[in-house]
mmCIF file of all heavy atoms, coordinates in Angstrom:
data_MODEL
# 
_entry.id   MODEL 
# 
loop_
_atom_site.group_PDB 
_atom_site.id 
_atom_site.type_symbol 
_atom_site.label_atom_id 
_atom_site.label_alt_id 
_atom_site.label_comp_id 
_atom_site.label_asym_id 
_atom_site.label_entity_id 
_atom_site.label_seq_id 
_atom_site.pdbx_PDB_ins_code 
_atom_site.Cartn_x 
_atom_site.Cartn_y 
_atom_site.Cartn_z 
_atom_site.occupancy 
_atom_site.B_iso_or_equiv 
_atom_site.pdbx_formal_charge 
_atom_site.auth_seq_id 
_atom_site.auth_comp_id 
_atom_site.auth_asym_id 
_atom_site.auth_atom_id 
_atom_site.pdbx_PDB_model_num 
ATOM 1   N N   . ALA A 1 1  ? 110.673 96.231  90.436  1.00 0.00 ? 1  ALA A N   1 
ATOM 2   C CA  . ALA A 1 1  ? 109.807 97.310  90.931  1.00 0.00 ? 1  ALA A CA  1 
ATOM 3   C C   . ALA A 1 1  ? 110.054 97.552  92.413  1.00 0.00 ? 1  ALA A C   1 
ATOM 4   O O   . ALA A 1 1  ? 110.367 96.623  93.173  1.00 0.00 ? 1  ALA A O   1 
ATOM 5   C CB  . ALA A 1 1  ? 108.348 96.943  90.697  1.00 0.00 ? 1  ALA A CB  1 
ATOM 6   N N   . LYS A 1 2  ? 109.921 98.794  92.825  1.00 0.00 ? 2  LYS A N   1 
ATOM 7   C CA  . LYS A 1 2  ? 110.074 99.120  94.241  1.00 0.00 ? 2  LYS A CA  1 
ATOM 8   C C   . LYS A 1 2  ? 108.807 98.752  95.005  1.00 0.00 ? 2  LYS A C   1 
ATOM 9   O O   . LYS A 1 2  ? 107.711 98.775  94.454  1.00 0.00 ? 2  LYS A O   1 
ATOM 10  C CB  . LYS A 1 2  ? 110.407 100.597 94.413  1.00 0.00 ? 2  LYS A CB  1 
ATOM 11  C CG  . LYS A 1 2  ? 111.755 101.006 93.825  1.00 0.00 ? 2  LYS A CG  1 
ATOM 12  C CD  . LYS A 1 2  ? 112.136 102.422 94.209  1.00 0.00 ? 2  LYS A CD  1 
ATOM 13  C CE  . LYS A 1 2  ? 113.389 102.884 93.465  1.00 0.00 ? 2  LYS A CE  1 
ATOM 14  N NZ  . LYS A 1 2  ? 114.568 102.091 93.811  1.00 0.00 ? 2  LYS A NZ  1 
ATOM 15  N N   . GLN A 1 3  ? 108.978 98.444  96.275  1.00 0.00 ? 3  GLN A N   1 
ATOM 16  C CA  . GLN A 1 3  ? 107.876 98.060  97.133  1.00 0.00 ? 3  GLN A CA  1 
ATOM 17  C C   . GLN A 1 3  ? 107.754 99.055  98.281  1.00 0.00 ? 3  GLN A C   1 
ATOM 18  O O   . GLN A 1 3  ? 108.760 99.502  98.836  1.00 0.00 ? 3  GLN A O   1 
ATOM 19  C CB  . GLN A 1 3  ? 108.097 96.648  97.693  1.00 0.00 ? 3  GLN A CB  1 
ATOM 20  C CG  . GLN A 1 3  ? 108.295 95.574  96.638  1.00 0.00 ? 3  GLN A CG  1 
ATOM 21  C CD  . GLN A 1 3  ? 107.054 95.327  95.801  1.00 0.00 ? 3  GLN A CD  1 
ATOM 22  O OE1 . GLN A 1 3  ? 105.936 95.348  96.322  1.00 0.00 ? 3  GLN A OE1 1 
ATOM 23  N NE2 . GLN A 1 3  ? 107.249 95.109  94.503  1.00 0.00 ? 3  GLN A NE2 1 
ATOM 24  N N   . ASN A 1 4  ? 106.519 99.386  98.635  1.00 0.00 ? 4  ASN A N   1 
ATOM 25  C CA  . ASN A 1 4  ? 106.266 100.285 99.758  1.00 0.00 ? 4  ASN A CA  1 
ATOM 26  C C   . ASN A 1 4  ? 106.507 99.520  101.063 1.00 0.00 ? 4  ASN A C   1 
ATOM 27  O O   . ASN A 1 4  ? 105.758 98.601  101.404 1.00 0.00 ? 4  ASN A O   1 
ATOM 28  C CB  . ASN A 1 4  ? 104.838 100.810 99.705  1.00 0.00 ? 4  ASN A CB  1 
ATOM 29  C CG  . ASN A 1 4  ? 104.550 101.818 100.804 1.00 0.00 ? 4  ASN A CG  1 
ATOM 30  O OD1 . ASN A 1 4  ? 105.417 102.211 101.574 1.00 0.00 ? 4  ASN A OD1 1 
ATOM 31  N ND2 . ASN A 1 4  ? 103.301 102.261 100.872 1.00 0.00 ? 4  ASN A ND2 1 
ATOM 32  N N   . ILE A 1 5  ? 107.557 99.917  101.805 1.00 0.00 ? 5  ILE A N   1 
ATOM 33  C CA  . ILE A 1 5  ? 107.872 99.236  103.055 1.00 0.00 ? 5  ILE A CA  1 
ATOM 34  C C   . ILE A 1 5  ? 107.433 100.050 104.271 1.00 0.00 ? 5  ILE A C   1 
ATOM 35  O O   . ILE A 1 5  ? 107.620 99.641  105.408 1.00 0.00 ? 5  ILE A O   1 
ATOM 36  C CB  . ILE A 1 5  ? 109.381 98.905  103.151 1.00 0.00 ? 5  ILE A CB  1 
ATOM 37  C CG1 . ILE A 1 5  ? 110.230 100.183 103.052 1.00 0.00 ? 5  ILE A CG1 1 
ATOM 38  C CG2 . ILE A 1 5  ? 109.776 97.919  102.070 1.00 0.00 ? 5  ILE A CG2 1 
ATOM 39  C CD1 . ILE A 1 5  ? 111.717 99.937  103.301 1.00 0.00 ? 5  ILE A CD1 1 
ATOM 40  N N   . GLY A 1 6  ? 106.883 101.245 104.014 1.00 0.00 ? 6  GLY A N   1 
ATOM 41  C CA  . GLY A 1 6  ? 106.279 102.028 105.085 1.00 0.00 ? 6  GLY A CA  1 
ATOM 42  C C   . GLY A 1 6  ? 107.218 102.872 105.910 1.00 0.00 ? 6  GLY A C   1 
ATOM 43  O O   . GLY A 1 6  ? 106.808 103.889 106.475 1.00 0.00 ? 6  GLY A O   1 
ATOM 44  N N   . SER A 1 7  ? 108.485 102.479 106.007 1.00 0.00 ? 7  SER A N   1 
ATOM 45  C CA  . SER A 1 7  ? 109.439 103.196 106.838 1.00 0.00 ? 7  SER A CA  1 
ATOM 46  C C   . SER A 1 7  ? 110.846 102.791 106.423 1.00 0.00 ? 7  SER A C   1 
ATOM 47  O O   . SER A 1 7  ? 111.073 101.631 106.045 1.00 0.00 ? 7  SER A O   1 
ATOM 48  C CB  . SER A 1 7  ? 109.211 102.858 108.311 1.00 0.00 ? 7  SER A CB  1 
ATOM 49  O OG  . SER A 1 7  ? 110.162 103.498 109.128 1.00 0.00 ? 7  SER A OG  1 
ATOM 50  N N   . CYS A 1 8  ? 111.774 103.751 106.477 1.00 0.00 ? 8  CYS A N   1 
ATOM 51  C CA  . CYS A 1 8  ? 113.139 103.410 106.073 1.00 0.00 ? 8  CYS A CA  1 
ATOM 52  C C   . CYS A 1 8  ? 114.131 104.425 106.622 1.00 0.00 ? 8  CYS A C   1 
ATOM 53  O O   . CYS A 1 8  ? 113.797 105.596 106.839 1.00 0.00 ? 8  CYS A O   1 
ATOM 54  C CB  . CYS A 1 8  ? 113.252 103.369 104.551 1.00 0.00 ? 8  CYS A CB  1 
ATOM 55  S SG  . CYS A 1 8  ? 114.774 102.585 103.942 1.00 0.00 ? 8  CYS A SG  1 
ATOM 56  N N   . ASN A 1 9  ? 115.365 103.961 106.828 1.00 0.00 ? 9  ASN A N   1 
ATOM 57  C CA  . ASN A 1 9  ? 116.463 104.853 107.191 1.00 0.00 ? 9  ASN A CA  1 
ATOM 58  C C   . ASN A 1 9  ? 117.063 105.461 105.936 1.00 0.00 ? 9  ASN A C   1 
ATOM 59  O O   . ASN A 1 9  ? 117.285 104.753 104.943 1.00 0.00 ? 9  ASN A O   1 
ATOM 60  C CB  . ASN A 1 9  ? 117.545 104.086 107.946 1.00 0.00 ? 9  ASN A CB  1 
ATOM 61  C CG  . ASN A 1 9  ? 117.104 103.682 109.333 1.00 0.00 ? 9  ASN A CG  1 
ATOM 62  O OD1 . ASN A 1 9  ? 116.439 104.444 110.025 1.00 0.00 ? 9  ASN A OD1 1 
ATOM 63  N ND2 . ASN A 1 9  ? 117.473 102.475 109.750 1.00 0.00 ? 9  ASN A ND2 1 
ATOM 64  N N   . PHE A 1 10 ? 117.316 106.773 105.985 1.00 0.00 ? 10 PHE A N   1 
ATOM 65  C CA  . PHE A 1 10 ? 117.968 107.493 104.901 1.00 0.00 ? 10 PHE A CA  1 
ATOM 66  C C   . PHE A 1 10 ? 119.399 107.773 105.337 1.00 0.00 ? 10 PHE A C   1 
ATOM 67  O O   . PHE A 1 10 ? 119.625 108.391 106.383 1.00 0.00 ? 10 PHE A O   1 
ATOM 68  C CB  . PHE A 1 10 ? 117.232 108.793 104.586 1.00 0.00 ? 10 PHE A CB  1 
ATOM 69  C CG  . PHE A 1 10 ? 115.939 108.605 103.846 1.00 0.00 ? 10 PHE A CG  1 
ATOM 70  C CD1 . PHE A 1 10 ? 114.891 107.890 104.422 1.00 0.00 ? 10 PHE A CD1 1 
ATOM 71  C CD2 . PHE A 1 10 ? 115.775 109.109 102.571 1.00 0.00 ? 10 PHE A CD2 1 
ATOM 72  C CE1 . PHE A 1 10 ? 113.696 107.699 103.739 1.00 0.00 ? 10 PHE A CE1 1 
ATOM 73  C CE2 . PHE A 1 10 ? 114.577 108.934 101.885 1.00 0.00 ? 10 PHE A CE2 1 
ATOM 74  C CZ  . PHE A 1 10 ? 113.536 108.218 102.475 1.00 0.00 ? 10 PHE A CZ  1 
ATOM 75  N N   . ILE A 1 11 ? 120.360 107.318 104.550 1.00 0.00 ? 11 ILE A N   1 
ATOM 76  C CA  . ILE A 1 11 ? 121.769 107.416 104.911 1.00 0.00 ? 11 ILE A CA  1 
ATOM 77  C C   . ILE A 1 11 ? 122.390 108.618 104.212 1.00 0.00 ? 11 ILE A C   1 
ATOM 78  O O   . ILE A 1 11 ? 122.242 108.792 102.992 1.00 0.00 ? 11 ILE A O   1 
ATOM 79  C CB  . ILE A 1 11 ? 122.520 106.133 104.527 1.00 0.00 ? 11 ILE A CB  1 
ATOM 80  C CG1 . ILE A 1 11 ? 121.869 104.925 105.218 1.00 0.00 ? 11 ILE A CG1 1 
ATOM 81  C CG2 . ILE A 1 11 ? 123.993 106.234 104.906 1.00 0.00 ? 11 ILE A CG2 1 
ATOM 82  C CD1 . ILE A 1 11 ? 122.384 103.589 104.736 1.00 0.00 ? 11 ILE A CD1 1 
ATOM 83  N N   . GLU A 1 12 ? 123.077 109.456 104.963 1.00 0.00 ? 12 GLU A N   1 
ATOM 84  C CA  . GLU A 1 12 ? 123.685 110.672 104.427 1.00 0.00 ? 12 GLU A CA  1 
ATOM 85  C C   . GLU A 1 12 ? 124.604 110.369 103.259 1.00 0.00 ? 12 GLU A C   1 
ATOM 86  O O   . GLU A 1 12 ? 125.447 109.471 103.314 1.00 0.00 ? 12 GLU A O   1 
ATOM 87  C CB  . GLU A 1 12 ? 124.456 111.401 105.537 1.00 0.00 ? 12 GLU A CB  1 
ATOM 88  C CG  . GLU A 1 12 ? 125.049 112.728 105.083 1.00 0.00 ? 12 GLU A CG  1 
ATOM 89  C CD  . GLU A 1 12 ? 125.618 113.531 106.243 1.00 0.00 ? 12 GLU A CD  1 
ATOM 90  O OE1 . GLU A 1 12 ? 125.048 113.459 107.361 1.00 0.00 ? 12 GLU A OE1 1 
ATOM 91  O OE2 . GLU A 1 12 ? 126.630 114.217 106.029 1.00 0.00 ? 12 GLU A OE2 1 
ATOM 92  N N   . ASP A 1 13 ? 124.411 111.125 102.160 1.00 0.00 ? 13 ASP A N   1 
ATOM 93  C CA  . ASP A 1 13 ? 125.194 111.001 100.932 1.00 0.00 ? 13 ASP A CA  1 
ATOM 94  C C   . ASP A 1 13 ? 125.200 109.575 100.391 1.00 0.00 ? 13 ASP A C   1 
ATOM 95  O O   . ASP A 1 13 ? 126.175 109.120 99.807  1.00 0.00 ? 13 ASP A O   1 
ATOM 96  C CB  . ASP A 1 13 ? 126.629 111.490 101.135 1.00 0.00 ? 13 ASP A CB  1 
ATOM 97  C CG  . ASP A 1 13 ? 127.275 111.895 99.808  1.00 0.00 ? 13 ASP A CG  1 
ATOM 98  O OD1 . ASP A 1 13 ? 126.535 112.242 98.865  1.00 0.00 ? 13 ASP A OD1 1 
ATOM 99  O OD2 . ASP A 1 13 ? 128.522 111.840 99.712  1.00 0.00 ? 13 ASP A OD2 1 
ATOM 100 N N   . TRP A 1 14 ? 124.074 108.872 100.551 1.00 0.00 ? 14 TRP A N   1 
ATOM 101 C CA  . TRP A 1 14 ? 123.973 107.512 100.036 1.00 0.00 ? 14 TRP A CA  1 
ATOM 102 C C   . TRP A 1 14 ? 122.566 107.216 99.512  1.00 0.00 ? 14 TRP A C   1 
ATOM 103 O O   . TRP A 1 14 ? 122.404 106.882 98.354  1.00 0.00 ? 14 TRP A O   1 
ATOM 104 C CB  . TRP A 1 14 ? 124.354 106.508 101.119 1.00 0.00 ? 14 TRP A CB  1 
ATOM 105 C CG  . TRP A 1 14 ? 124.413 105.097 100.609 1.00 0.00 ? 14 TRP A CG  1 
ATOM 106 C CD1 . TRP A 1 14 ? 123.488 104.104 100.769 1.00 0.00 ? 14 TRP A CD1 1 
ATOM 107 C CD2 . TRP A 1 14 ? 125.464 104.530 99.809  1.00 0.00 ? 14 TRP A CD2 1 
ATOM 108 N NE1 . TRP A 1 14 ? 123.887 102.952 100.138 1.00 0.00 ? 14 TRP A NE1 1 
ATOM 109 C CE2 . TRP A 1 14 ? 125.101 103.181 99.541  1.00 0.00 ? 14 TRP A CE2 1 
ATOM 110 C CE3 . TRP A 1 14 ? 126.665 105.027 99.305  1.00 0.00 ? 14 TRP A CE3 1 
ATOM 111 C CZ2 . TRP A 1 14 ? 125.903 102.333 98.795  1.00 0.00 ? 14 TRP A CZ2 1 
ATOM 112 C CZ3 . TRP A 1 14 ? 127.475 104.173 98.552  1.00 0.00 ? 14 TRP A CZ3 1 
ATOM 113 C CH2 . TRP A 1 14 ? 127.084 102.848 98.308  1.00 0.00 ? 14 TRP A CH2 1 
ATOM 114 N N   . GLY A 1 15 ? 121.551 107.358 100.365 1.00 0.00 ? 15 GLY A N   1 
ATOM 115 C CA  . GLY A 1 15 ? 120.200 107.067 99.936  1.00 0.00 ? 15 GLY A CA  1 
ATOM 116 C C   . GLY A 1 15 ? 119.462 106.232 100.948 1.00 0.00 ? 15 GLY A C   1 
ATOM 117 O O   . GLY A 1 15 ? 119.784 106.229 102.139 1.00 0.00 ? 15 GLY A O   1 
ATOM 118 N N   . LEU A 1 16 ? 118.453 105.472 100.488 1.00 0.00 ? 16 LEU A N   1 
ATOM 119 C CA  . LEU A 1 16 ? 117.666 104.648 101.394 1.00 0.00 ? 16 LEU A CA  1 
ATOM 120 C C   . LEU A 1 16 ? 118.408 103.356 101.704 1.00 0.00 ? 16 LEU A C   1 
ATOM 121 O O   . LEU A 1 16 ? 118.987 102.734 100.805 1.00 0.00 ? 16 LEU A O   1 
ATOM 122 C CB  . LEU A 1 16 ? 116.301 104.314 100.782 1.00 0.00 ? 16 LEU A CB  1 
ATOM 123 C CG  . LEU A 1 16 ? 115.228 105.402 100.851 1.00 0.00 ? 16 LEU A CG  1 
ATOM 124 C CD1 . LEU A 1 16 ? 115.505 106.503 99.842  1.00 0.00 ? 16 LEU A CD1 1 
ATOM 125 C CD2 . LEU A 1 16 ? 113.842 104.815 100.631 1.00 0.00 ? 16 LEU A CD2 1 
ATOM 126 N N   . GLU A 1 17 ? 118.364 102.964 102.943 1.00 0.00 ? 17 GLU A N   1 
ATOM 127 C CA  . GLU A 1 17 ? 119.018 101.733 103.374 1.00 0.00 ? 17 GLU A CA  1 
ATOM 128 C C   . GLU A 1 17 ? 118.464 100.537 102.595 1.00 0.00 ? 17 GLU A C   1 
ATOM 129 O O   . GLU A 1 17 ? 117.248 100.371 102.468 1.00 0.00 ? 17 GLU A O   1 
ATOM 130 C CB  . GLU A 1 17 ? 118.800 101.531 104.869 1.00 0.00 ? 17 GLU A CB  1 
ATOM 131 C CG  . GLU A 1 17 ? 119.564 100.368 105.469 1.00 0.00 ? 17 GLU A CG  1 
ATOM 132 C CD  . GLU A 1 17 ? 119.392 100.286 106.969 1.00 0.00 ? 17 GLU A CD  1 
ATOM 133 O OE1 . GLU A 1 17 ? 118.388 100.814 107.494 1.00 0.00 ? 17 GLU A OE1 1 
ATOM 134 O OE2 . GLU A 1 17 ? 120.257 99.692  107.631 1.00 0.00 ? 17 GLU A OE2 1 
ATOM 135 N N   . LYS A 1 18 ? 119.373 99.747  102.032 1.00 0.00 ? 18 LYS A N   1 
ATOM 136 C CA  . LYS A 1 18 ? 119.073 98.532  101.271 1.00 0.00 ? 18 LYS A CA  1 
ATOM 137 C C   . LYS A 1 18 ? 118.450 98.792  99.903  1.00 0.00 ? 18 LYS A C   1 
ATOM 138 O O   . LYS A 1 18 ? 118.080 97.836  99.207  1.00 0.00 ? 18 LYS A O   1 
ATOM 139 C CB  . LYS A 1 18 ? 118.171 97.586  102.074 1.00 0.00 ? 18 LYS A CB  1 
ATOM 140 C CG  . LYS A 1 18 ? 118.804 97.057  103.348 1.00 0.00 ? 18 LYS A CG  1 
ATOM 141 C CD  . LYS A 1 18 ? 117.883 96.062  104.046 1.00 0.00 ? 18 LYS A CD  1 
ATOM 142 C CE  . LYS A 1 18 ? 118.545 95.519  105.312 1.00 0.00 ? 18 LYS A CE  1 
ATOM 143 N NZ  . LYS A 1 18 ? 117.661 94.536  106.009 1.00 0.00 ? 18 LYS A NZ  1 
ATOM 144 N N   . ASP A 1 19 ? 118.331 100.058 99.490  1.00 0.00 ? 19 ASP A N   1 
ATOM 145 C CA  . ASP A 1 19 ? 117.780 100.328 98.165  1.00 0.00 ? 19 ASP A CA  1 
ATOM 146 C C   . ASP A 1 19 ? 118.864 100.138 97.110  1.00 0.00 ? 19 ASP A C   1 
ATOM 147 O O   . ASP A 1 19 ? 119.996 100.615 97.260  1.00 0.00 ? 19 ASP A O   1 
ATOM 148 C CB  . ASP A 1 19 ? 117.237 101.760 98.079  1.00 0.00 ? 19 ASP A CB  1 
ATOM 149 C CG  . ASP A 1 19 ? 116.572 102.037 96.739  1.00 0.00 ? 19 ASP A CG  1 
ATOM 150 O OD1 . ASP A 1 19 ? 115.723 101.236 96.337  1.00 0.00 ? 19 ASP A OD1 1 
ATOM 151 O OD2 . ASP A 1 19 ? 116.916 103.050 96.109  1.00 0.00 ? 19 ASP A OD2 1 
ATOM 152 N N   . ALA A 1 20 ? 118.519 99.444  96.036  1.00 0.00 ? 20 ALA A N   1 
ATOM 153 C CA  . ALA A 1 20 ? 119.498 99.112  95.002  1.00 0.00 ? 20 ALA A CA  1 
ATOM 154 C C   . ALA A 1 20 ? 120.039 100.332 94.282  1.00 0.00 ? 20 ALA A C   1 
ATOM 155 O O   . ALA A 1 20 ? 121.130 100.282 93.703  1.00 0.00 ? 20 ALA A O   1 
ATOM 156 C CB  . ALA A 1 20 ? 118.862 98.154  93.989  1.00 0.00 ? 20 ALA A CB  1 
ATOM 157 N N   . HIS A 1 21 ? 119.300 101.444 94.298  1.00 0.00 ? 21 HIS A N   1 
ATOM 158 C CA  . HIS A 1 21 ? 119.733 102.633 93.562  1.00 0.00 ? 21 HIS A CA  1 
ATOM 159 C C   . HIS A 1 21 ? 120.452 103.650 94.450  1.00 0.00 ? 21 HIS A C   1 
ATOM 160 O O   . HIS A 1 21 ? 120.798 104.740 93.994  1.00 0.00 ? 21 HIS A O   1 
ATOM 161 C CB  . HIS A 1 21 ? 118.529 103.284 92.876  1.00 0.00 ? 21 HIS A CB  1 
ATOM 162 C CG  . HIS A 1 21 ? 117.921 102.410 91.815  1.00 0.00 ? 21 HIS A CG  1 
ATOM 163 N ND1 . HIS A 1 21 ? 116.907 101.524 92.094  1.00 0.00 ? 21 HIS A ND1 1 
ATOM 164 C CD2 . HIS A 1 21 ? 118.210 102.270 90.496  1.00 0.00 ? 21 HIS A CD2 1 
ATOM 165 C CE1 . HIS A 1 21 ? 116.584 100.881 90.971  1.00 0.00 ? 21 HIS A CE1 1 
ATOM 166 N NE2 . HIS A 1 21 ? 117.349 101.311 89.997  1.00 0.00 ? 21 HIS A NE2 1 
ATOM 167 N N   . ALA A 1 22 ? 120.654 103.306 95.714  1.00 0.00 ? 22 ALA A N   1 
ATOM 168 C CA  . ALA A 1 22 ? 121.436 104.184 96.584  1.00 0.00 ? 22 ALA A CA  1 
ATOM 169 C C   . ALA A 1 22 ? 122.905 104.127 96.176  1.00 0.00 ? 22 ALA A C   1 
ATOM 170 O O   . ALA A 1 22 ? 123.357 103.186 95.529  1.00 0.00 ? 22 ALA A O   1 
ATOM 171 C CB  . ALA A 1 22 ? 121.268 103.753 98.040  1.00 0.00 ? 22 ALA A CB  1 
ATOM 172 N N   . GLY A 1 23 ? 123.641 105.158 96.532  1.00 0.00 ? 23 GLY A N   1 
ATOM 173 C CA  . GLY A 1 23 ? 125.066 105.167 96.190  1.00 0.00 ? 23 GLY A CA  1 
ATOM 174 C C   . GLY A 1 23 ? 125.639 106.556 96.231  1.00 0.00 ? 23 GLY A C   1 
ATOM 175 O O   . GLY A 1 23 ? 124.932 107.541 96.458  1.00 0.00 ? 23 GLY A O   1 
ATOM 176 N N   . ASN A 1 24 ? 126.918 106.653 95.981  1.00 0.00 ? 24 ASN A N   1 
ATOM 177 C CA  . ASN A 1 24 ? 127.619 107.935 96.011  1.00 0.00 ? 24 ASN A CA  1 
ATOM 178 C C   . ASN A 1 24 ? 127.491 108.620 94.651  1.00 0.00 ? 24 ASN A C   1 
ATOM 179 O O   . ASN A 1 24 ? 128.442 108.708 93.887  1.00 0.00 ? 24 ASN A O   1 
ATOM 180 C CB  . ASN A 1 24 ? 129.079 107.720 96.393  1.00 0.00 ? 24 ASN A CB  1 
ATOM 181 C CG  . ASN A 1 24 ? 129.812 109.028 96.595  1.00 0.00 ? 24 ASN A CG  1 
ATOM 182 O OD1 . ASN A 1 24 ? 129.206 110.065 96.820  1.00 0.00 ? 24 ASN A OD1 1 
ATOM 183 N ND2 . ASN A 1 24 ? 131.126 108.982 96.496  1.00 0.00 ? 24 ASN A ND2 1 
ATOM 184 N N   . TRP A 1 25 ? 126.242 109.084 94.361  1.00 0.00 ? 25 TRP A N   1 
ATOM 185 C CA  . TRP A 1 25 ? 125.977 109.777 93.098  1.00 0.00 ? 25 TRP A CA  1 
ATOM 186 C C   . TRP A 1 25 ? 124.853 110.768 93.331  1.00 0.00 ? 25 TRP A C   1 
ATOM 187 O O   . TRP A 1 25 ? 124.427 110.965 94.469  1.00 0.00 ? 25 TRP A O   1 
ATOM 188 C CB  . TRP A 1 25 ? 125.673 108.777 91.981  1.00 0.00 ? 25 TRP A CB  1 
ATOM 189 C CG  . TRP A 1 25 ? 124.403 107.988 92.129  1.00 0.00 ? 25 TRP A CG  1 
ATOM 190 C CD1 . TRP A 1 25 ? 123.864 107.453 93.270  1.00 0.00 ? 25 TRP A CD1 1 
ATOM 191 C CD2 . TRP A 1 25 ? 123.509 107.621 91.082  1.00 0.00 ? 25 TRP A CD2 1 
ATOM 192 N NE1 . TRP A 1 25 ? 122.702 106.783 93.003  1.00 0.00 ? 25 TRP A NE1 1 
ATOM 193 C CE2 . TRP A 1 25 ? 122.451 106.864 91.670  1.00 0.00 ? 25 TRP A CE2 1 
ATOM 194 C CE3 . TRP A 1 25 ? 123.494 107.857 89.706  1.00 0.00 ? 25 TRP A CE3 1 
ATOM 195 C CZ2 . TRP A 1 25 ? 121.397 106.350 90.911  1.00 0.00 ? 25 TRP A CZ2 1 
ATOM 196 C CZ3 . TRP A 1 25 ? 122.442 107.336 88.959  1.00 0.00 ? 25 TRP A CZ3 1 
ATOM 197 C CH2 . TRP A 1 25 ? 121.419 106.589 89.562  1.00 0.00 ? 25 TRP A CH2 1 
ATOM 198 N N   . HIS A 1 26 ? 124.373 111.415 92.263  1.00 0.00 ? 26 HIS A N   1 
ATOM 199 C CA  . HIS A 1 26 ? 123.434 112.516 92.450  1.00 0.00 ? 26 HIS A CA  1 
ATOM 200 C C   . HIS A 1 26 ? 121.976 112.081 92.491  1.00 0.00 ? 26 HIS A C   1 
ATOM 201 O O   . HIS A 1 26 ? 121.114 112.866 92.868  1.00 0.00 ? 26 HIS A O   1 
ATOM 202 C CB  . HIS A 1 26 ? 123.628 113.562 91.341  1.00 0.00 ? 26 HIS A CB  1 
ATOM 203 C CG  . HIS A 1 26 ? 123.237 113.072 89.978  1.00 0.00 ? 26 HIS A CG  1 
ATOM 204 N ND1 . HIS A 1 26 ? 124.037 112.213 89.263  1.00 0.00 ? 26 HIS A ND1 1 
ATOM 205 C CD2 . HIS A 1 26 ? 122.145 113.308 89.206  1.00 0.00 ? 26 HIS A CD2 1 
ATOM 206 C CE1 . HIS A 1 26 ? 123.454 111.943 88.095  1.00 0.00 ? 26 HIS A CE1 1 
ATOM 207 N NE2 . HIS A 1 26 ? 122.301 112.591 88.048  1.00 0.00 ? 26 HIS A NE2 1 
ATOM 208 N N   . ARG A 1 27 ? 121.663 110.837 92.086  1.00 0.00 ? 27 ARG A N   1 
ATOM 209 C CA  . ARG A 1 27 ? 120.273 110.382 92.089  1.00 0.00 ? 27 ARG A CA  1 
ATOM 210 C C   . ARG A 1 27 ? 120.057 109.368 93.213  1.00 0.00 ? 27 ARG A C   1 
ATOM 211 O O   . ARG A 1 27 ? 119.684 108.223 92.990  1.00 0.00 ? 27 ARG A O   1 
ATOM 212 C CB  . ARG A 1 27 ? 119.900 109.788 90.730  1.00 0.00 ? 27 ARG A CB  1 
ATOM 213 C CG  . ARG A 1 27 ? 119.898 110.826 89.609  1.00 0.00 ? 27 ARG A CG  1 
ATOM 214 C CD  . ARG A 1 27 ? 118.944 110.458 88.482  1.00 0.00 ? 27 ARG A CD  1 
ATOM 215 N NE  . ARG A 1 27 ? 119.243 109.185 87.863  1.00 0.00 ? 27 ARG A NE  1 
ATOM 216 C CZ  . ARG A 1 27 ? 119.872 109.024 86.700  1.00 0.00 ? 27 ARG A CZ  1 
ATOM 217 N NH1 . ARG A 1 27 ? 120.313 110.086 86.054  1.00 0.00 ? 27 ARG A NH1 1 
ATOM 218 N NH2 . ARG A 1 27 ? 120.073 107.833 86.201  1.00 0.00 ? 27 ARG A NH2 1 
ATOM 219 N N   . GLN A 1 28 ? 120.297 109.805 94.444  1.00 0.00 ? 28 GLN A N   1 
ATOM 220 C CA  . GLN A 1 28 ? 120.216 108.902 95.586  1.00 0.00 ? 28 GLN A CA  1 
ATOM 221 C C   . GLN A 1 28 ? 118.775 108.596 95.989  1.00 0.00 ? 28 GLN A C   1 
ATOM 222 O O   . GLN A 1 28 ? 118.482 107.505 96.475  1.00 0.00 ? 28 GLN A O   1 
ATOM 223 C CB  . GLN A 1 28 ? 120.978 109.503 96.765  1.00 0.00 ? 28 GLN A CB  1 
ATOM 224 C CG  . GLN A 1 28 ? 122.473 109.629 96.498  1.00 0.00 ? 28 GLN A CG  1 
ATOM 225 C CD  . GLN A 1 28 ? 123.201 110.451 97.532  1.00 0.00 ? 28 GLN A CD  1 
ATOM 226 O OE1 . GLN A 1 28 ? 122.589 111.050 98.413  1.00 0.00 ? 28 GLN A OE1 1 
ATOM 227 N NE2 . GLN A 1 28 ? 124.522 110.503 97.428  1.00 0.00 ? 28 GLN A NE2 1 
# 
């Protein structure tokens, strides 16, 4: 399950920093 961390960096064409579902795909 995801946890509310309150703040995060969003990386261009990747997703949220350290998020397991980030990546070079369409559901970032």
